Protein backbone atom coordinates (compact mmCIF):
# COMPACT_ATOMS: atom_id res chain seq x y z
CA MET A 1 -7.17 -6.17 5.64
CA PRO A 2 -7.07 -9.95 6.22
CA ALA A 3 -4.11 -11.68 4.55
CA SER A 4 -6.48 -14.04 2.65
CA LEU A 5 -7.75 -11.00 0.68
CA LEU A 6 -4.37 -9.59 -0.16
CA VAL A 7 -3.71 -11.74 -3.18
CA PRO A 8 -6.93 -11.04 -5.04
CA VAL A 9 -6.85 -7.31 -4.15
CA LEU A 10 -3.28 -7.03 -5.43
CA ALA A 11 -4.29 -8.84 -8.58
CA ALA A 12 -6.95 -6.22 -9.32
CA ALA A 13 -4.60 -3.43 -8.33
CA THR A 14 -1.88 -4.80 -10.57
CA ILE A 15 -4.15 -4.81 -13.64
CA ASP A 16 -5.24 -1.28 -12.80
CA PHE A 17 -1.57 -0.23 -12.37
CA ASN A 18 -0.45 -1.76 -15.62
CA GLU A 19 -3.28 -0.11 -17.57
CA ASN A 20 -3.25 3.34 -15.99
CA ALA A 21 0.22 4.17 -14.64
CA THR A 22 2.18 6.27 -17.14
CA SER A 23 5.95 6.14 -17.77
CA ARG A 24 7.65 8.76 -19.88
CA ASP A 25 10.60 6.49 -20.65
CA PRO A 26 11.88 2.98 -19.60
CA ASP A 27 13.80 4.34 -16.59
CA ASP A 28 11.01 6.56 -15.40
CA ARG A 29 9.87 5.73 -11.86
CA ARG A 30 8.10 8.95 -11.09
CA GLY A 31 4.94 8.13 -13.12
CA PRO A 32 4.19 4.79 -11.47
CA VAL A 33 5.06 6.13 -8.00
CA GLU A 34 2.71 9.09 -8.55
CA PHE A 35 -0.01 6.64 -9.58
CA VAL A 36 0.38 4.59 -6.45
CA GLN A 37 0.57 7.68 -4.20
CA ALA A 38 -2.64 9.11 -5.77
CA LEU A 39 -4.64 5.93 -4.97
CA GLY A 40 -7.54 6.93 -2.75
CA VAL A 41 -9.65 4.98 -0.37
CA GLU A 42 -12.46 4.80 -2.94
CA ARG A 43 -10.10 3.00 -5.44
CA VAL A 44 -9.06 0.44 -2.86
CA GLU A 45 -12.73 -0.10 -1.89
CA GLN A 46 -13.38 -0.77 -5.57
CA TYR A 47 -10.70 -3.45 -5.50
CA LEU A 48 -12.39 -4.98 -2.50
CA GLY A 49 -15.80 -4.67 -4.17
CA LEU A 50 -14.54 -6.76 -7.11
CA LEU A 51 -14.12 -9.65 -4.66
CA THR A 52 -17.87 -9.81 -4.14
CA SER A 53 -18.59 -10.65 -7.74
CA GLY A 54 -17.34 -14.18 -8.11
CA GLY A 55 -14.54 -13.73 -5.59
CA PRO A 56 -13.99 -14.88 -2.02
CA LEU A 57 -16.33 -12.37 -0.42
CA VAL A 58 -19.95 -13.36 -0.11
CA PRO A 59 -22.95 -11.67 1.61
CA ILE A 60 -23.29 -12.62 5.34
CA GLY A 61 -26.50 -14.59 4.77
CA ALA A 62 -24.88 -16.68 1.99
CA ALA A 63 -21.85 -17.34 4.17
CA VAL A 64 -24.05 -18.59 7.03
CA ASP A 65 -25.96 -20.84 4.57
CA GLN A 66 -22.70 -22.25 3.30
CA ALA A 67 -21.42 -22.92 6.82
CA ARG A 68 -24.61 -24.78 7.68
CA GLY A 69 -24.47 -26.72 4.45
CA ASP A 70 -27.72 -25.24 3.05
CA ALA A 71 -27.73 -25.20 -0.65
CA ALA A 72 -28.62 -21.92 -2.28
CA PRO A 73 -31.54 -22.18 -4.71
CA ASP A 74 -30.51 -22.71 -8.34
CA THR A 75 -31.60 -19.63 -10.24
CA THR A 76 -29.64 -20.23 -13.42
CA ASN A 77 -32.73 -21.78 -15.06
CA GLY A 78 -35.37 -19.60 -13.53
CA GLY A 79 -35.52 -21.95 -10.46
CA ALA A 80 -36.94 -24.78 -12.66
CA PRO A 81 -35.66 -28.24 -11.96
CA ARG A 82 -33.19 -29.67 -14.44
């Protein structure tokens, strides 16, 4: 994973961890450790997928357009001029 994606992926993972890891008491480390150990590839792919919706990942065609300086068509108003 590129280092530039690490921060947003960890942000998503941290939220998931805080909401879903269970601790039986304040000194319990087993519950959080088991949550992390049980993470599958699918879950990490979901974290990466979140970066495509308003995050740093964009489809290849859009990235090429941005690099060339082409503006994407404005579809917020049905394509009508403002």
